[in-house]
């Protein structure tokens, strides 16, 4: 495990992007696990500055809300399109997000888990950490061997995410999330963690960040 402590969000992005870029240079067809939320976004901005040929890179998102209509600006499919696919010039055909609008979300979750396995697994999984310690939408107490599945969002998580929606009532009740077992199968984990703050507080613009690495896993925390 490697731990890096850096002073700002942009520095977090630079350090983490360097790790991801090294993997892509050594394996141009690398499979990335991409996270949304405020903490990972500087990684994608910094990675774009490396000007890599990422035409063969594949990406799998961690999670998606269930029930949002296609094209909803706060669906993770749209966030990934804006912040990852377009910014990094990935081939949209190589970018996957769980199908939160599927008629059978449980089947969609199982298919998504199988799709990750079908490409040989994730090379680098980027992770943020939630206000209560959740990874993806795996709340504390989730089984370490859990697979991609449908989960009910806790009230605290819905309250924390309400700032992205017009009203709290618009926050979906359920999601599809990669399980901890799925996440832990990635060859490298890159965990980005900002300073602790109340769930209703906006992300700070400055502060110290920490990167922790397991076999090139990396965790960044700002304090």
Protein backbone atom coordinates (compact mmCIF):
# COMPACT_ATOMS: atom_id res chain seq x y z
CA UNK A 1 0.00 0.00 0.00
CA UNK A 2 1.22 3.48 -0.88
CA UNK A 3 -0.08 6.66 0.76
CA UNK A 4 0.41 10.15 -0.66
CA UNK A 5 -0.59 13.34 1.17
CA UNK A 6 -0.95 16.34 -1.11
CA UNK A 7 -2.10 19.94 -0.45
CA UNK A 8 -4.93 20.52 -2.94
CA UNK A 9 -7.55 18.81 -5.06
CA UNK A 10 -5.62 19.67 -8.22
CA UNK A 11 -2.49 18.08 -6.75
CA UNK A 12 -4.57 15.00 -5.95
CA UNK A 13 -5.63 14.86 -9.55
CA UNK A 14 -2.07 15.21 -10.82
CA UNK A 15 -0.64 12.44 -8.64
CA UNK A 16 -3.50 10.04 -9.31
CA UNK A 17 -3.56 10.79 -13.04
CA UNK A 18 0.14 10.00 -13.23
CA UNK A 19 -0.52 6.55 -11.80
CA UNK A 20 -3.38 5.90 -14.24
CA UNK A 21 -1.36 7.24 -17.18
CA UNK A 22 1.51 4.87 -16.38
CA UNK A 23 -0.87 1.91 -16.54
CA UNK A 24 -2.31 3.07 -19.87
CA UNK A 25 1.15 3.57 -21.37
CA UNK A 26 2.11 0.04 -20.41
CA UNK A 27 -1.24 -1.39 -21.52
CA UNK A 28 -3.02 0.76 -24.16
CA UNK A 29 -6.14 -1.45 -23.97
CA UNK A 30 -6.40 -0.99 -20.18
CA UNK A 31 -9.78 -1.31 -18.47
CA UNK A 32 -10.53 1.56 -16.09
CA UNK A 33 -13.12 1.61 -13.33
CA UNK A 34 -14.41 5.19 -13.14
CA UNK A 35 -16.14 6.88 -10.23
CA UNK A 36 -18.29 10.01 -10.15
CA UNK A 37 -18.63 12.49 -7.30
CA UNK A 38 -16.48 15.50 -6.53
CA UNK A 39 -13.26 13.82 -5.35
CA UNK A 40 -12.38 11.86 -8.53
CA UNK A 41 -13.14 14.66 -11.02
CA UNK A 42 -9.68 16.31 -10.80
CA UNK A 43 -8.17 12.99 -11.88
CA UNK A 44 -9.93 13.11 -15.24
CA UNK A 45 -8.99 16.75 -15.79
CA UNK A 46 -5.33 15.99 -15.07
CA UNK A 47 -5.37 12.78 -17.11
CA UNK A 48 -6.59 14.73 -20.15
CA UNK A 49 -3.42 16.83 -19.95
CA UNK A 50 -1.29 13.72 -20.51
CA UNK A 51 -2.53 13.65 -24.13
CA UNK A 52 -2.56 9.87 -24.27
CA UNK A 53 -4.04 7.81 -27.06
CA UNK A 54 -6.97 6.29 -25.17
CA UNK A 55 -8.86 5.00 -28.19
CA UNK A 56 -8.49 1.39 -27.01
CA UNK A 57 -9.17 2.04 -23.32
CA UNK A 58 -12.35 0.59 -21.85
CA UNK A 59 -14.18 2.06 -18.85
CA UNK A 60 -16.81 0.75 -16.44
CA UNK A 61 -18.69 3.05 -14.07
CA UNK A 62 -19.14 2.04 -10.45
CA UNK A 63 -22.86 2.63 -10.14
CA UNK A 64 -26.05 4.22 -11.45
CA UNK A 65 -29.37 5.38 -10.07
CA UNK A 66 -32.41 3.23 -10.82
CA UNK A 67 -35.37 4.99 -12.37
CA UNK A 68 -33.93 8.19 -13.83
CA UNK A 69 -34.91 8.76 -17.47
CA UNK A 70 -32.27 8.49 -20.15
CA UNK A 71 -30.39 11.75 -20.53
CA UNK A 72 -31.17 13.02 -17.03
CA UNK A 73 -28.27 15.40 -16.21
CA UNK A 74 -27.66 13.80 -12.81
CA UNK A 75 -27.69 10.22 -14.03
CA UNK A 76 -24.22 8.79 -13.76
CA UNK A 77 -24.39 7.85 -17.43
CA UNK A 78 -24.52 11.57 -18.22
CA UNK A 79 -21.86 12.50 -15.66
CA UNK A 80 -19.52 9.85 -17.08
CA UNK A 81 -20.24 11.05 -20.62
CA UNK A 82 -19.42 14.67 -19.72
CA UNK A 83 -16.51 14.17 -17.33
CA UNK A 84 -14.86 11.00 -18.62
CA UNK A 85 -15.83 9.95 -22.15
CA UNK A 86 -15.75 13.40 -23.76
CA UNK A 87 -12.92 14.83 -21.66
CA UNK A 88 -10.62 11.86 -22.31
CA UNK A 89 -11.80 11.26 -25.90
CA UNK A 90 -12.78 7.68 -25.17
CA UNK A 91 -14.76 5.66 -27.69
CA UNK A 92 -18.34 5.76 -26.34
CA UNK A 93 -18.73 2.14 -27.40
CA UNK A 94 -15.99 1.24 -24.89
CA UNK A 95 -17.65 2.97 -21.91
CA UNK A 96 -20.23 1.10 -19.84
CA UNK A 97 -22.59 2.28 -17.09
CA UNK A 98 -25.13 0.07 -15.28
CA UNK A 99 -28.56 0.25 -16.96
CA UNK A 100 -30.64 2.01 -14.33
CA UNK A 101 -33.62 2.25 -16.67
CA UNK A 102 -33.80 -1.50 -17.36
CA UNK A 103 -37.16 -3.19 -16.90
CA UNK A 104 -35.38 -5.80 -14.75
CA UNK A 105 -32.65 -3.98 -12.78
CA UNK A 106 -31.55 -7.16 -10.99
CA UNK A 107 -30.86 -8.86 -14.33
CA UNK A 108 -29.10 -5.71 -15.56
CA UNK A 109 -26.85 -5.80 -12.48
CA UNK A 110 -25.93 -9.44 -13.09
CA UNK A 111 -25.24 -8.72 -16.76
CA UNK A 112 -22.99 -5.80 -15.79
CA UNK A 113 -20.95 -7.95 -13.42
CA UNK A 114 -20.58 -10.53 -16.17
CA UNK A 115 -19.50 -7.84 -18.66
CA UNK A 116 -16.65 -6.77 -16.37
CA UNK A 117 -15.50 -10.36 -16.05
CA UNK A 118 -15.86 -10.80 -19.79
CA UNK A 119 -13.17 -8.21 -20.56
CA UNK A 120 -10.80 -9.74 -18.02
CA UNK A 121 -11.60 -7.44 -15.10
CA UNK A 122 -10.61 -3.92 -14.13
CA UNK A 123 -6.98 -2.83 -14.34
CA UNK A 124 -7.33 0.38 -12.30
CA UNK A 125 -10.42 1.13 -10.21
CA UNK A 126 -10.82 4.77 -9.22
CA UNK A 127 -12.77 5.22 -5.98
CA UNK A 128 -14.10 8.04 -3.88
CA UNK A 129 -15.37 7.54 -0.36
CA UNK A 130 -18.82 8.64 0.83
CA UNK A 131 -19.72 10.80 3.82
CA UNK A 132 -20.29 7.66 5.92
CA UNK A 133 -17.47 5.60 4.43
CA UNK A 134 -19.41 3.95 1.60
CA UNK A 135 -17.59 2.82 -1.55
CA UNK A 136 -19.71 3.10 -4.69
CA UNK A 137 -23.16 2.62 -3.09
CA UNK A 138 -21.97 -0.12 -0.73
CA UNK A 139 -23.06 1.18 2.63
CA UNK A 140 -21.16 0.23 5.82
CA UNK A 141 -21.90 -3.40 6.63
CA UNK A 142 -22.01 -4.54 2.99
CA UNK A 143 -20.51 -7.98 2.49
CA UNK A 144 -16.92 -8.03 1.30
CA UNK A 145 -17.84 -10.66 -1.30
CA UNK A 146 -20.91 -8.79 -2.61
CA UNK A 147 -21.41 -8.56 -6.37
CA UNK A 148 -23.00 -5.95 -8.62
CA UNK A 149 -26.61 -5.67 -7.43
CA UNK A 150 -29.61 -3.42 -6.78
CA UNK A 151 -29.43 -1.54 -3.48
CA UNK A 152 -31.81 0.73 -1.58
CA UNK A 153 -30.19 4.09 -0.86
CA UNK A 154 -30.10 5.10 2.78
CA UNK A 155 -31.77 8.34 3.82
CA UNK A 156 -28.41 9.81 4.74
CA UNK A 157 -27.02 9.06 1.29
CA UNK A 158 -30.12 10.52 -0.37
CA UNK A 159 -29.80 13.64 1.77
CA UNK A 160 -26.12 13.99 0.84
CA UNK A 161 -26.95 13.69 -2.88
CA UNK A 162 -29.96 16.00 -2.74
CA UNK A 163 -27.74 19.00 -3.57
CA UNK A 164 -27.47 17.70 -7.13
CA UNK A 165 -31.26 17.68 -7.64
CA UNK A 166 -33.93 20.39 -7.69
CA UNK A 167 -35.71 18.90 -4.68
CA UNK A 168 -34.80 16.12 -2.21
CA UNK A 169 -37.81 14.13 -3.40
CA UNK A 170 -36.19 13.78 -6.84
CA UNK A 171 -33.29 11.71 -5.49
CA UNK A 172 -33.89 8.09 -6.54
CA UNK A 173 -34.62 5.45 -3.93
CA UNK A 174 -32.54 2.69 -5.49
CA UNK A 175 -29.34 2.16 -7.44
CA UNK A 176 -27.27 -0.47 -9.20
CA UNK A 177 -23.81 -0.67 -7.65
CA UNK A 178 -20.74 -2.79 -8.11
CA UNK A 179 -20.31 -4.90 -4.99
CA UNK A 180 -17.26 -4.85 -2.77
CA UNK A 181 -16.29 -8.26 -4.08
CA UNK A 182 -16.41 -6.94 -7.64
CA UNK A 183 -14.39 -3.85 -6.72
CA UNK A 184 -11.74 -5.81 -4.84
CA UNK A 185 -11.05 -7.95 -7.91
CA UNK A 186 -9.50 -4.94 -9.67
CA UNK A 187 -5.75 -5.28 -10.12
CA UNK A 188 -5.11 -1.77 -8.77
CA UNK A 189 -7.27 0.41 -6.50
CA UNK A 190 -6.98 4.20 -6.48
CA UNK A 191 -8.87 5.74 -3.56
CA UNK A 192 -9.30 9.51 -3.41
CA UNK A 193 -10.44 10.96 -0.12
CA UNK A 194 -11.08 14.60 0.75
CA UNK A 195 -11.42 16.23 4.19
CA UNK A 196 -14.30 15.23 6.43
CA UNK A 197 -17.25 17.61 6.25
CA UNK A 198 -20.99 17.63 6.92
CA UNK A 199 -23.01 15.93 4.19
CA UNK A 200 -24.71 19.23 3.32
CA UNK A 201 -21.43 21.15 2.94
CA UNK A 202 -19.99 21.89 -0.50
CA UNK A 203 -16.58 20.43 -1.32
CA UNK A 204 -13.79 22.72 -0.16
CA UNK A 205 -11.50 24.29 -2.76
CA UNK A 206 -8.36 23.78 -0.70
CA UNK A 207 -7.05 21.38 1.87
CA UNK A 208 -4.64 18.50 2.19
CA UNK A 209 -5.25 15.29 0.27
CA UNK A 210 -4.13 11.76 0.88
CA UNK A 211 -3.52 9.00 -1.63
CA UNK A 212 -3.34 5.40 -0.46
CA UNK A 213 -2.05 2.70 -2.77
CA UNK A 214 -2.44 -1.09 -2.67
CA UNK A 215 -0.13 -2.66 -5.23
CA UNK A 216 -0.34 0.72 -6.85
CA UNK A 217 -3.69 1.38 -5.23
CA UNK A 218 -3.78 4.99 -4.23
CA UNK A 219 -5.79 6.94 -1.69
CA UNK A 220 -5.79 10.74 -1.57
CA UNK A 221 -7.13 12.61 1.42
CA UNK A 222 -7.28 16.36 1.92
CA UNK A 223 -7.25 17.54 5.53
